[in-house]
Every structure is written in C-alpha cells, then in structure tokens.
Amino acid sequence: SIYLAALLGNGLIITAVACDHHLHTPMYFFLLSLSLLDLGSISVTVPKSMANSLWDTRAISYWECAAQVFLLAFFFSTEYSVLTVMAYDRYVAICKPLHYGTVMSSRACVKMAAAAWATGFLYGLLHTANTFSIPLCQGNVVEQFFCEIPQIFKLSCSDFHLRELGVVVISACLVFGCFVFIVLSYVQIFTVVLRIPSEQGQHKAFSMCLPHLAVFSLFISTGLFAYLKPPSLSSPALDLVMAVLYAVVPPAMNPLIYSMRNKELKDALRKLVQWIQCQHQ
C-alpha cells in the first residue's frame, strides 16, 4: 500500500510539473527531480521484497545485492544534495528576489541538478566499492529486507574498521556541510520573512519554505537515527522498523507534504486528475 501510494503521489507530481507550463520554474524543476529520486529509492527495495514474499523466499543474488547498495547510496545522497540546492533556491527567492532570475537561470538550475546527480553517482560508487571489497565469511544471511551496508559489514571476516572509518569521515563531512548550509539558509530566510510587514506576505513566504523544511527534517531525522542509534538499542525488529522509516516512508510522504500547502501544485494536480477522468469517460 505504501509503495502504491509512493508511485501514485510521485507519478502525479512528475506528470503535473512536466505538463503544466505554470510550474516550469526552478522550484518545481527541483521538486520533479526529488520525485524521480523518491520513485527510484523506494523501487530499489520494495518490489524485490514483495517478490520474495510472494514466492516465499528470502534469496537475493550477490550482484543484485551490490546493485541495491549502489542505487540506494546513489539515490539517497543525490536526494540530500537536491534538498540542499532547494534550500538555496528558497534563500535566493526570499532574500534576493531581484536577482532570482539571474542566479536561478535555466542553465544554472541544470548545472546544479547535474552536480547533485554526479555527486550521488560518485558517492554510490565509493560506498559500493568499499563494501564489496571486503571478504564476507560470516554466513550469507542479511538481517534486513534489503541489502543494507551495516548488515553486510556484520558478515565480514576481516578488520575493515579503518577502511570503514575513512568512508564514514567523508560521509560525515558531506552530510554536516550540507546540513550547516541548509540551517544557515533558513536562519537568513526566517530573519527576512519576520520583517515582512504584511501577514499575507509572511504566510506566502512560509508556504514556500515549510514543505521543503518538513521533507528535509523527515529525511535527515529518520536516516540519522537509523545509522547513529547506540548499538545497545539494536535488535532485528527495531532495525527493520528503522529501515522502513528511512527507506520507505519518506518517498511516500513527500508528495503529500509538498501538495498540502502549495496552491499552484494542488491546482495543477486537480487539472491533471480532471483530464484523466475525462479521458476515461
């Protein structure tokens, strides 16, 4: 049900943004990119898990497992980069509105999106190469419904801590750098918004920012808790719940969060649904 909701919600947003010329702006361009990433990330894990459930098996091949690790690292890191770019887009729109058309030109948006996707690709390669370059000899059972990196490390029979530490340091630097950038952007955004004299102007500005802030908070909080929780709290049941929270729930919730307070998007979605109904009639 969650997977179908994610497919429907993200699919509607992608179609609405692509088809409605009123939504051909930088904000919706990055929202379309975010929806594509959400579709990709949830499609890496859930369909395989559903197929295994239907066929009453828990098997996954070595290369399928490697593909899952690469694609998940790729989609998650790219999504984080896109969320960072979206924070910059909101900052320019609210704090420097007269320069918005120049700073966020079509060429600049394409370059930023390309940089985000390229960074995610390199990050995915780094994690996959690091994970599968270690010998695995502690059995072949991954205690998760997909190939999760910490669970694969448990199967290692070599001292991989130094190599793992290097990747963790690189990841922490990237995550912390983007996090600080987003926080500083929103500090400046809210400082400007609170100075707007009209209540209507403040409401419009908050409506532009709150969905992105909510999506970012959901994405970062579930991921951080899943990977940074104390080992004493670790158990198969809790690990499963946390994996669902960071890998399955956000892609399904993001379309709902973005459409709740966004009048332009709701109007476009309403037109799209009406058009679909007319075609079926």
C-alpha atoms as a PDB file:
ATOM      1  CA  SER A   1       0.000   0.000   0.000  1.00  0.00           C
ATOM      2  CA  ILE A   2       2.834   2.402   0.867  1.00  0.00           C
ATOM      3  CA  TYR A   3       4.603   1.554  -2.391  1.00  0.00           C
ATOM      4  CA  LEU A   4       1.449   2.181  -4.432  1.00  0.00           C
ATOM      5  CA  ALA A   5       0.942   5.491  -2.599  1.00  0.00           C
ATOM      6  CA  ALA A   6       4.532   6.487  -3.419  1.00  0.00           C
ATOM      7  CA  LEU A   7       4.099   5.535  -7.088  1.00  0.00           C
ATOM      8  CA  LEU A   8       0.809   7.432  -7.377  1.00  0.00           C
ATOM      9  CA  GLY A   9       1.901  10.547  -5.460  1.00  0.00           C
ATOM     10  CA  ASN A  10       5.293  10.971  -7.096  1.00  0.00           C
ATOM     11  CA  GLY A  11       3.941   9.988 -10.501  1.00  0.00           C
ATOM     12  CA  LEU A  12       1.232  12.671 -10.286  1.00  0.00           C
ATOM     13  CA  ILE A  13       3.753  15.329  -9.260  1.00  0.00           C
ATOM     14  CA  ILE A  14       6.146  14.411 -12.086  1.00  0.00           C
ATOM     15  CA  THR A  15       3.307  14.479 -14.648  1.00  0.00           C
ATOM     16  CA  ALA A  16       1.805  17.717 -13.312  1.00  0.00           C
ATOM     17  CA  VAL A  17       5.138  19.571 -13.297  1.00  0.00           C
ATOM     18  CA  ALA A  18       6.081  18.274 -16.748  1.00  0.00           C
ATOM     19  CA  CYS A  19       2.724  19.110 -18.349  1.00  0.00           C
ATOM     20  CA  ASP A  20       1.737  22.414 -16.686  1.00  0.00           C
ATOM     21  CA  HIS A  21       3.755  25.335 -18.079  1.00  0.00           C
ATOM     22  CA  HIS A  22       2.898  27.414 -14.969  1.00  0.00           C
ATOM     23  CA  LEU A  23       5.107  25.024 -12.987  1.00  0.00           C
ATOM     24  CA  HIS A  24       8.152  25.362 -15.247  1.00  0.00           C
ATOM     25  CA  THR A  25      10.114  27.247 -12.580  1.00  0.00           C
ATOM     26  CA  PRO A  26      13.295  26.334 -10.669  1.00  0.00           C
ATOM     27  CA  MET A  27      11.400  25.295  -7.521  1.00  0.00           C
ATOM     28  CA  TYR A  28       9.232  22.788  -9.392  1.00  0.00           C
ATOM     29  CA  PHE A  29      12.146  21.636 -11.543  1.00  0.00           C
ATOM     30  CA  PHE A  30      13.934  20.521  -8.376  1.00  0.00           C
ATOM     31  CA  LEU A  31      10.684  19.090  -6.976  1.00  0.00           C
ATOM     32  CA  LEU A  32      10.378  16.959 -10.122  1.00  0.00           C
ATOM     33  CA  SER A  33      13.961  15.778  -9.585  1.00  0.00           C
ATOM     34  CA  LEU A  34      13.130  14.964  -5.957  1.00  0.00           C
ATOM     35  CA  SER A  35      10.086  12.911  -7.011  1.00  0.00           C
ATOM     36  CA  LEU A  36      12.179  10.952  -9.525  1.00  0.00           C
ATOM     37  CA  LEU A  37      14.690  10.164  -6.749  1.00  0.00           C
ATOM     38  CA  ASP A  38      11.902   9.107  -4.373  1.00  0.00           C
ATOM     39  CA  LEU A  39      10.495   6.761  -7.009  1.00  0.00           C
ATOM     40  CA  GLY A  40      13.945   5.323  -7.620  1.00  0.00           C
ATOM     41  CA  SER A  41      14.866   4.795  -3.966  1.00  0.00           C
ATOM     42  CA  ILE A  42      11.637   3.025  -2.981  1.00  0.00           C
ATOM     43  CA  SER A  43      11.682   0.930  -6.180  1.00  0.00           C
ATOM     44  CA  VAL A  44      15.139  -0.417  -5.315  1.00  0.00           C
ATOM     45  CA  THR A  45      13.956  -2.178  -2.144  1.00  0.00           C
ATOM     46  CA  VAL A  46      10.199  -2.772  -2.003  1.00  0.00           C
ATOM     47  CA  PRO A  47       9.494  -4.643  -5.292  1.00  0.00           C
ATOM     48  CA  LYS A  48      12.242  -7.211  -4.580  1.00  0.00           C
ATOM     49  CA  SER A  49      10.926  -7.646  -1.050  1.00  0.00           C
ATOM     50  CA  MET A  50       7.365  -8.082  -2.345  1.00  0.00           C
ATOM     51  CA  ALA A  51       8.511 -10.618  -4.964  1.00  0.00           C
ATOM     52  CA  ASN A  52      10.365 -12.612  -2.317  1.00  0.00           C
ATOM     53  CA  SER A  53       7.275 -12.553  -0.123  1.00  0.00           C
ATOM     54  CA  LEU A  54       5.047 -13.789  -2.968  1.00  0.00           C
ATOM     55  CA  TRP A  55       7.470 -16.591  -3.885  1.00  0.00           C
ATOM     56  CA  ASP A  56       8.092 -17.451  -0.210  1.00  0.00           C
ATOM     57  CA  THR A  57      11.847 -16.940  -0.442  1.00  0.00           C
ATOM     58  CA  ARG A  58      14.454 -14.618   1.090  1.00  0.00           C
ATOM     59  CA  ALA A  59      17.094 -15.071  -1.612  1.00  0.00           C
ATOM     60  CA  ILE A  60      18.970 -12.303  -3.415  1.00  0.00           C
ATOM     61  CA  SER A  61      21.988 -12.772  -5.648  1.00  0.00           C
ATOM     62  CA  TYR A  62      25.380 -11.216  -4.909  1.00  0.00           C
ATOM     63  CA  TRP A  63      25.134  -8.833  -7.878  1.00  0.00           C
ATOM     64  CA  GLU A  64      21.544  -7.842  -7.042  1.00  0.00           C
ATOM     65  CA  CYS A  65      22.746  -7.049  -3.534  1.00  0.00           C
ATOM     66  CA  ALA A  66      25.605  -4.918  -4.890  1.00  0.00           C
ATOM     67  CA  ALA A  67      23.165  -3.123  -7.196  1.00  0.00           C
ATOM     68  CA  GLN A  68      20.876  -2.356  -4.240  1.00  0.00           C
ATOM     69  CA  VAL A  69      23.766  -0.924  -2.220  1.00  0.00           C
ATOM     70  CA  PHE A  70      24.922   1.267  -5.115  1.00  0.00           C
ATOM     71  CA  LEU A  71      21.458   2.507  -6.098  1.00  0.00           C
ATOM     72  CA  LEU A  72      20.380   3.261  -2.533  1.00  0.00           C
ATOM     73  CA  ALA A  73      23.580   5.206  -1.809  1.00  0.00           C
ATOM     74  CA  PHE A  74      23.172   6.983  -5.159  1.00  0.00           C
ATOM     75  CA  PHE A  75      19.509   7.943  -4.679  1.00  0.00           C
ATOM     76  CA  PHE A  76      19.807   8.948  -1.016  1.00  0.00           C
ATOM     77  CA  SER A  77      22.936  11.067  -1.462  1.00  0.00           C
ATOM     78  CA  THR A  78      21.530  12.717  -4.602  1.00  0.00           C
ATOM     79  CA  GLU A  79      18.273  13.480  -2.787  1.00  0.00           C
ATOM     80  CA  TYR A  80      20.219  15.093   0.046  1.00  0.00           C
ATOM     81  CA  SER A  81      22.128  17.203  -2.483  1.00  0.00           C
ATOM     82  CA  VAL A  82      18.897  18.223  -4.239  1.00  0.00           C
ATOM     83  CA  LEU A  83      17.346  19.217  -0.889  1.00  0.00           C
ATOM     84  CA  THR A  84      20.417  21.385  -0.277  1.00  0.00           C
ATOM     85  CA  VAL A  85      20.027  23.057  -3.686  1.00  0.00           C
ATOM     86  CA  MET A  86      16.311  23.596  -2.977  1.00  0.00           C
ATOM     87  CA  ALA A  87      17.223  25.410   0.252  1.00  0.00           C
ATOM     88  CA  TYR A  88      19.492  27.694  -1.786  1.00  0.00           C
ATOM     89  CA  ASP A  89      16.648  28.272  -4.262  1.00  0.00           C
ATOM     90  CA  ARG A  90      14.324  29.342  -1.417  1.00  0.00           C
ATOM     91  CA  TYR A  91      17.063  31.576   0.027  1.00  0.00           C
ATOM     92  CA  VAL A  92      17.570  33.423  -3.275  1.00  0.00           C
ATOM     93  CA  ALA A  93      13.802  33.713  -3.889  1.00  0.00           C
ATOM     94  CA  ILE A  94      13.107  35.292  -0.486  1.00  0.00           C
ATOM     95  CA  CYS A  95      16.338  37.077   0.453  1.00  0.00           C
ATOM     96  CA  LYS A  96      17.443  38.250  -3.013  1.00  0.00           C
ATOM     97  CA  PRO A  97      14.248  38.351  -5.115  1.00  0.00           C
ATOM     98  CA  LEU A  98      15.576  40.966  -7.574  1.00  0.00           C
ATOM     99  CA  HIS A  99      18.475  38.677  -8.508  1.00  0.00           C
ATOM    100  CA  TYR A 100      16.400  35.475  -8.641  1.00  0.00           C
ATOM    101  CA  GLY A 101      16.008  35.337 -12.420  1.00  0.00           C
ATOM    102  CA  THR A 102      19.761  35.775 -12.932  1.00  0.00           C
ATOM    103  CA  VAL A 103      21.029  33.487 -10.161  1.00  0.00           C
ATOM    104  CA  MET A 104      18.490  30.704 -10.762  1.00  0.00           C
ATOM    105  CA  SER A 105      18.520  30.760 -14.557  1.00  0.00           C
ATOM    106  CA  SER A 106      17.665  27.632 -16.530  1.00  0.00           C
ATOM    107  CA  ARG A 107      21.331  26.936 -17.229  1.00  0.00           C
ATOM    108  CA  ALA A 108      22.259  27.371 -13.550  1.00  0.00           C
ATOM    109  CA  CYS A 109      19.454  25.024 -12.440  1.00  0.00           C
ATOM    110  CA  VAL A 110      20.538  22.323 -14.892  1.00  0.00           C
ATOM    111  CA  LYS A 111      24.157  22.649 -13.727  1.00  0.00           C
ATOM    112  CA  MET A 112      23.165  22.377 -10.056  1.00  0.00           C
ATOM    113  CA  ALA A 113      20.943  19.371 -10.722  1.00  0.00           C
ATOM    114  CA  ALA A 114      23.688  17.706 -12.779  1.00  0.00           C
ATOM    115  CA  ALA A 115      26.214  18.339  -9.989  1.00  0.00           C
ATOM    116  CA  ALA A 116      23.831  16.784  -7.442  1.00  0.00           C
ATOM    117  CA  TRP A 117      23.281  13.660  -9.563  1.00  0.00           C
ATOM    118  CA  ALA A 118      27.010  13.339 -10.376  1.00  0.00           C
ATOM    119  CA  THR A 119      27.909  13.656  -6.683  1.00  0.00           C
ATOM    120  CA  GLY A 120      25.384  10.953  -5.842  1.00  0.00           C
ATOM    121  CA  PHE A 121      26.807   8.664  -8.525  1.00  0.00           C
ATOM    122  CA  LEU A 122      30.365   9.034  -7.203  1.00  0.00           C
ATOM    123  CA  TYR A 123      29.169   8.601  -3.624  1.00  0.00           C
ATOM    124  CA  GLY A 124      27.328   5.402  -4.596  1.00  0.00           C
ATOM    125  CA  LEU A 125      30.439   4.038  -6.320  1.00  0.00           C
ATOM    126  CA  LEU A 126      32.560   4.820  -3.256  1.00  0.00           C
ATOM    127  CA  HIS A 127      30.233   3.019  -0.857  1.00  0.00           C
ATOM    128  CA  THR A 128      29.715   0.015  -3.136  1.00  0.00           C
ATOM    129  CA  ALA A 129      33.438  -0.437  -3.823  1.00  0.00           C
ATOM    130  CA  ASN A 130      34.247  -0.105  -0.124  1.00  0.00           C
ATOM    131  CA  THR A 131      31.511  -2.511   0.991  1.00  0.00           C
ATOM    132  CA  PHE A 132      32.153  -5.295  -1.505  1.00  0.00           C
ATOM    133  CA  SER A 133      35.948  -5.156  -1.459  1.00  0.00           C
ATOM    134  CA  ILE A 134      35.983  -6.839   1.965  1.00  0.00           C
ATOM    135  CA  PRO A 135      35.798 -10.650   2.217  1.00  0.00           C
ATOM    136  CA  LEU A 136      32.499 -11.971   3.567  1.00  0.00           C
ATOM    137  CA  CYS A 137      32.695 -15.225   5.530  1.00  0.00           C
ATOM    138  CA  GLN A 138      30.258 -14.874   8.456  1.00  0.00           C
ATOM    139  CA  GLY A 139      27.416 -16.644   6.664  1.00  0.00           C
ATOM    140  CA  ASN A 140      25.179 -15.251   3.953  1.00  0.00           C
ATOM    141  CA  VAL A 141      22.131 -14.018   5.898  1.00  0.00           C
ATOM    142  CA  VAL A 142      21.435 -10.276   5.768  1.00  0.00           C
ATOM    143  CA  GLU A 143      19.088  -9.429   8.654  1.00  0.00           C
ATOM    144  CA  GLN A 144      17.072  -6.890   6.675  1.00  0.00           C
ATOM    145  CA  PHE A 145      14.524  -6.799   3.842  1.00  0.00           C
ATOM    146  CA  PHE A 146      17.185  -5.288   1.547  1.00  0.00           C
ATOM    147  CA  CYS A 147      20.975  -5.182   1.374  1.00  0.00           C
ATOM    148  CA  GLU A 148      21.828  -2.575   3.990  1.00  0.00           C
ATOM    149  CA  ILE A 149      25.506  -1.672   4.396  1.00  0.00           C
ATOM    150  CA  PRO A 150      25.742  -2.126   8.216  1.00  0.00           C
ATOM    151  CA  GLN A 151      24.152  -5.569   7.900  1.00  0.00           C
ATOM    152  CA  ILE A 152      26.650  -6.573   5.186  1.00  0.00           C
ATOM    153  CA  PHE A 153      29.556  -5.429   7.369  1.00  0.00           C
ATOM    154  CA  LYS A 154      28.384  -7.909  10.004  1.00  0.00           C
ATOM    155  CA  LEU A 155      29.244 -10.705   7.545  1.00  0.00           C
ATOM    156  CA  SER A 156      32.861  -9.554   7.177  1.00  0.00           C
ATOM    157  CA  CYS A 157      35.705 -11.690   8.478  1.00  0.00           C
ATOM    158  CA  SER A 158      38.457  -9.070   8.152  1.00  0.00           C
ATOM    159  CA  ASP A 159      39.424  -5.944  10.035  1.00  0.00           C
ATOM    160  CA  PHE A 160      37.565  -3.367   7.985  1.00  0.00           C
ATOM    161  CA  HIS A 161      37.257  -0.667  10.652  1.00  0.00           C
ATOM    162  CA  LEU A 162      39.976   1.625   9.254  1.00  0.00           C
ATOM    163  CA  ARG A 163      38.534   1.491   5.743  1.00  0.00           C
ATOM    164  CA  GLU A 164      35.010   1.961   7.078  1.00  0.00           C
ATOM    165  CA  LEU A 165      36.200   4.903   9.176  1.00  0.00           C
ATOM    166  CA  GLY A 166      37.509   6.659   6.055  1.00  0.00           C
ATOM    167  CA  VAL A 167      34.152   6.380   4.297  1.00  0.00           C
ATOM    168  CA  VAL A 168      32.314   7.449   7.458  1.00  0.00           C
ATOM    169  CA  VAL A 169      34.515  10.555   7.765  1.00  0.00           C
ATOM    170  CA  ILE A 170      33.899  11.502   4.108  1.00  0.00           C
ATOM    171  CA  SER A 171      30.157  10.922   4.537  1.00  0.00           C
ATOM    172  CA  ALA A 172      30.038  12.893   7.784  1.00  0.00           C
ATOM    173  CA  CYS A 173      31.827  15.862   6.190  1.00  0.00           C
ATOM    174  CA  LEU A 174      29.407  15.927   3.253  1.00  0.00           C
ATOM    175  CA  VAL A 175      26.321  15.482   5.436  1.00  0.00           C
ATOM    176  CA  PHE A 176      27.429  18.045   8.012  1.00  0.00           C
ATOM    177  CA  GLY A 177      28.458  20.572   5.330  1.00  0.00           C
ATOM    178  CA  CYS A 178      25.074  20.371   3.589  1.00  0.00           C
ATOM    179  CA  PHE A 179      23.259  20.422   6.936  1.00  0.00           C
ATOM    180  CA  VAL A 180      25.040  23.597   8.062  1.00  0.00           C
ATOM    181  CA  PHE A 181      24.360  25.229   4.667  1.00  0.00           C
ATOM    182  CA  ILE A 182      20.623  24.442   4.917  1.00  0.00           C
ATOM    183  CA  VAL A 183      20.374  25.640   8.534  1.00  0.00           C
ATOM    184  CA  LEU A 184      22.186  28.918   7.759  1.00  0.00           C
ATOM    185  CA  SER A 185      19.957  29.431   4.693  1.00  0.00           C
ATOM    186  CA  TYR A 186      16.824  29.067   6.791  1.00  0.00           C
ATOM    187  CA  VAL A 187      18.148  31.326   9.547  1.00  0.00           C
ATOM    188  CA  GLN A 188      18.521  34.094   6.951  1.00  0.00           C
ATOM    189  CA  ILE A 189      15.184  33.214   5.311  1.00  0.00           C
ATOM    190  CA  PHE A 190      13.225  33.426   8.579  1.00  0.00           C
ATOM    191  CA  THR A 191      15.033  36.633   9.531  1.00  0.00           C
ATOM    192  CA  VAL A 192      13.817  38.228   6.285  1.00  0.00           C
ATOM    193  CA  VAL A 193      10.319  36.712   6.483  1.00  0.00           C
ATOM    194  CA  LEU A 194       9.693  38.002  10.016  1.00  0.00           C
ATOM    195  CA  ARG A 195      10.488  41.526   8.780  1.00  0.00           C
ATOM    196  CA  ILE A 196       7.748  41.386   6.113  1.00  0.00           C
ATOM    197  CA  PRO A 197       5.090  43.891   7.294  1.00  0.00           C
ATOM    198  CA  SER A 198       2.004  42.143   5.881  1.00  0.00           C
ATOM    199  CA  GLU A 199       0.685  38.924   7.376  1.00  0.00           C
ATOM    200  CA  GLN A 200      -0.292  37.720   3.900  1.00  0.00           C
ATOM    201  CA  GLY A 201       3.290  38.152   2.694  1.00  0.00           C
ATOM    202  CA  GLN A 202       4.628  36.195   5.655  1.00  0.00           C
ATOM    203  CA  HIS A 203       2.093  33.407   5.033  1.00  0.00           C
ATOM    204  CA  LYS A 204       3.095  33.161   1.354  1.00  0.00           C
ATOM    205  CA  ALA A 205       6.796  33.007   2.233  1.00  0.00           C
ATOM    206  CA  PHE A 206       6.241  30.351   4.889  1.00  0.00           C
ATOM    207  CA  SER A 207       4.119  28.321   2.446  1.00  0.00           C
ATOM    208  CA  MET A 208       7.103  28.276   0.069  1.00  0.00           C
ATOM    209  CA  CYS A 209       9.544  27.090   2.744  1.00  0.00           C
ATOM    210  CA  LEU A 210       7.720  24.852   5.221  1.00  0.00           C
ATOM    211  CA  PRO A 211       7.138  21.871   2.863  1.00  0.00           C
ATOM    212  CA  HIS A 212      10.835  21.752   1.975  1.00  0.00           C
ATOM    213  CA  LEU A 213      11.801  22.092   5.640  1.00  0.00           C
ATOM    214  CA  ALA A 214       9.377  19.288   6.602  1.00  0.00           C
ATOM    215  CA  VAL A 215      10.718  16.949   3.883  1.00  0.00           C
ATOM    216  CA  PHE A 216      14.310  17.700   4.889  1.00  0.00           C
ATOM    217  CA  SER A 217      13.556  17.102   8.574  1.00  0.00           C
ATOM    218  CA  LEU A 218      11.853  13.766   7.835  1.00  0.00           C
ATOM    219  CA  PHE A 219      14.700  12.658   5.571  1.00  0.00           C
ATOM    220  CA  ILE A 220      17.566  13.589   7.896  1.00  0.00           C
ATOM    221  CA  SER A 221      15.965  12.545  11.211  1.00  0.00           C
ATOM    222  CA  THR A 222      14.999   9.022  10.116  1.00  0.00           C
ATOM    223  CA  GLY A 223      18.366   8.415   8.428  1.00  0.00           C
ATOM    224  CA  LEU A 224      20.447   9.727  11.332  1.00  0.00           C
ATOM    225  CA  PHE A 225      18.529   7.769  13.955  1.00  0.00           C
ATOM    226  CA  ALA A 226      18.776   4.574  11.897  1.00  0.00           C
ATOM    227  CA  TYR A 227      22.554   4.819  11.468  1.00  0.00           C
ATOM    228  CA  LEU A 228      23.626   6.618  14.660  1.00  0.00           C
ATOM    229  CA  LYS A 229      21.494   4.858  17.270  1.00  0.00           C
ATOM    230  CA  PRO A 230      23.512   3.204  20.081  1.00  0.00           C
ATOM    231  CA  PRO A 231      24.458  -0.467  19.482  1.00  0.00           C
ATOM    232  CA  SER A 232      22.653  -1.350  22.728  1.00  0.00           C
ATOM    233  CA  LEU A 233      19.348  -0.398  21.067  1.00  0.00           C
ATOM    234  CA  SER A 234      19.999  -2.596  18.048  1.00  0.00           C
ATOM    235  CA  SER A 235      17.705  -5.567  17.506  1.00  0.00           C
ATOM    236  CA  PRO A 236      16.340  -7.239  14.332  1.00  0.00           C
ATOM    237  CA  ALA A 237      12.832  -5.879  14.960  1.00  0.00           C
ATOM    238  CA  LEU A 238      13.992  -2.303  15.671  1.00  0.00           C
ATOM    239  CA  ASP A 239      16.433  -2.349  12.728  1.00  0.00           C
ATOM    240  CA  LEU A 240      13.565  -3.402  10.468  1.00  0.00           C
ATOM    241  CA  VAL A 241      11.286  -0.620  11.722  1.00  0.00           C
ATOM    242  CA  MET A 242      14.020   1.990  11.324  1.00  0.00           C
ATOM    243  CA  ALA A 243      14.820   0.779   7.796  1.00  0.00           C
ATOM    244  CA  VAL A 244      11.158   1.148   6.820  1.00  0.00           C
ATOM    245  CA  LEU A 245      11.066   4.633   8.378  1.00  0.00           C
ATOM    246  CA  TYR A 246      14.030   5.991   6.400  1.00  0.00           C
ATOM    247  CA  ALA A 247      13.815   3.944   3.180  1.00  0.00           C
ATOM    248  CA  VAL A 248      10.063   3.531   2.589  1.00  0.00           C
ATOM    249  CA  VAL A 249       8.056   6.179   4.465  1.00  0.00           C
ATOM    250  CA  PRO A 250       9.719   9.426   3.173  1.00  0.00           C
ATOM    251  CA  PRO A 251       9.198   8.660  -0.565  1.00  0.00           C
ATOM    252  CA  ALA A 252       5.504   8.066   0.136  1.00  0.00           C
ATOM    253  CA  MET A 253       5.073  11.074   2.435  1.00  0.00           C
ATOM    254  CA  ASN A 254       6.989  13.680   0.397  1.00  0.00           C
ATOM    255  CA  PRO A 255       4.285  14.192  -2.300  1.00  0.00           C
ATOM    256  CA  LEU A 256       1.649  14.652   0.425  1.00  0.00           C
ATOM    257  CA  ILE A 257       3.819  17.160   2.316  1.00  0.00           C
ATOM    258  CA  TYR A 258       4.539  19.205  -0.811  1.00  0.00           C
ATOM    259  CA  SER A 259       0.952  19.264  -2.050  1.00  0.00           C
ATOM    260  CA  MET A 260      -0.696  20.176   1.278  1.00  0.00           C
ATOM    261  CA  ARG A 261       0.354  23.865   1.433  1.00  0.00           C
ATOM    262  CA  ASN A 262       1.081  24.502  -2.241  1.00  0.00           C
ATOM    263  CA  LYS A 263      -1.875  26.059  -4.076  1.00  0.00           C
ATOM    264  CA  GLU A 264      -0.195  26.050  -7.507  1.00  0.00           C
ATOM    265  CA  LEU A 265       0.663  22.370  -7.243  1.00  0.00           C
ATOM    266  CA  LYS A 266      -2.815  21.460  -5.954  1.00  0.00           C
ATOM    267  CA  ASP A 267      -4.410  23.325  -8.885  1.00  0.00           C
ATOM    268  CA  ALA A 268      -2.146  21.533 -11.364  1.00  0.00           C
ATOM    269  CA  LEU A 269      -2.898  18.146  -9.774  1.00  0.00           C
ATOM    270  CA  ARG A 270      -6.639  18.899  -9.841  1.00  0.00           C
ATOM    271  CA  LYS A 271      -6.457  19.732 -13.553  1.00  0.00           C
ATOM    272  CA  LEU A 272      -4.475  16.558 -14.213  1.00  0.00           C
ATOM    273  CA  VAL A 273      -6.973  14.355 -12.344  1.00  0.00           C
ATOM    274  CA  GLN A 274      -9.898  16.005 -14.166  1.00  0.00           C
ATOM    275  CA  TRP A 275      -8.181  15.431 -17.509  1.00  0.00           C
ATOM    276  CA  ILE A 276      -7.604  11.753 -16.651  1.00  0.00           C
ATOM    277  CA  GLN A 277     -11.261  11.361 -15.665  1.00  0.00           C
ATOM    278  CA  CYS A 278     -12.401  12.957 -18.936  1.00  0.00           C
ATOM    279  CA  GLN A 279     -10.196  10.573 -20.932  1.00  0.00           C
ATOM    280  CA  HIS A 280     -11.739   7.544 -19.197  1.00  0.00           C
ATOM    281  CA  GLN A 281     -15.276   8.824 -19.774  1.00  0.00           C
END
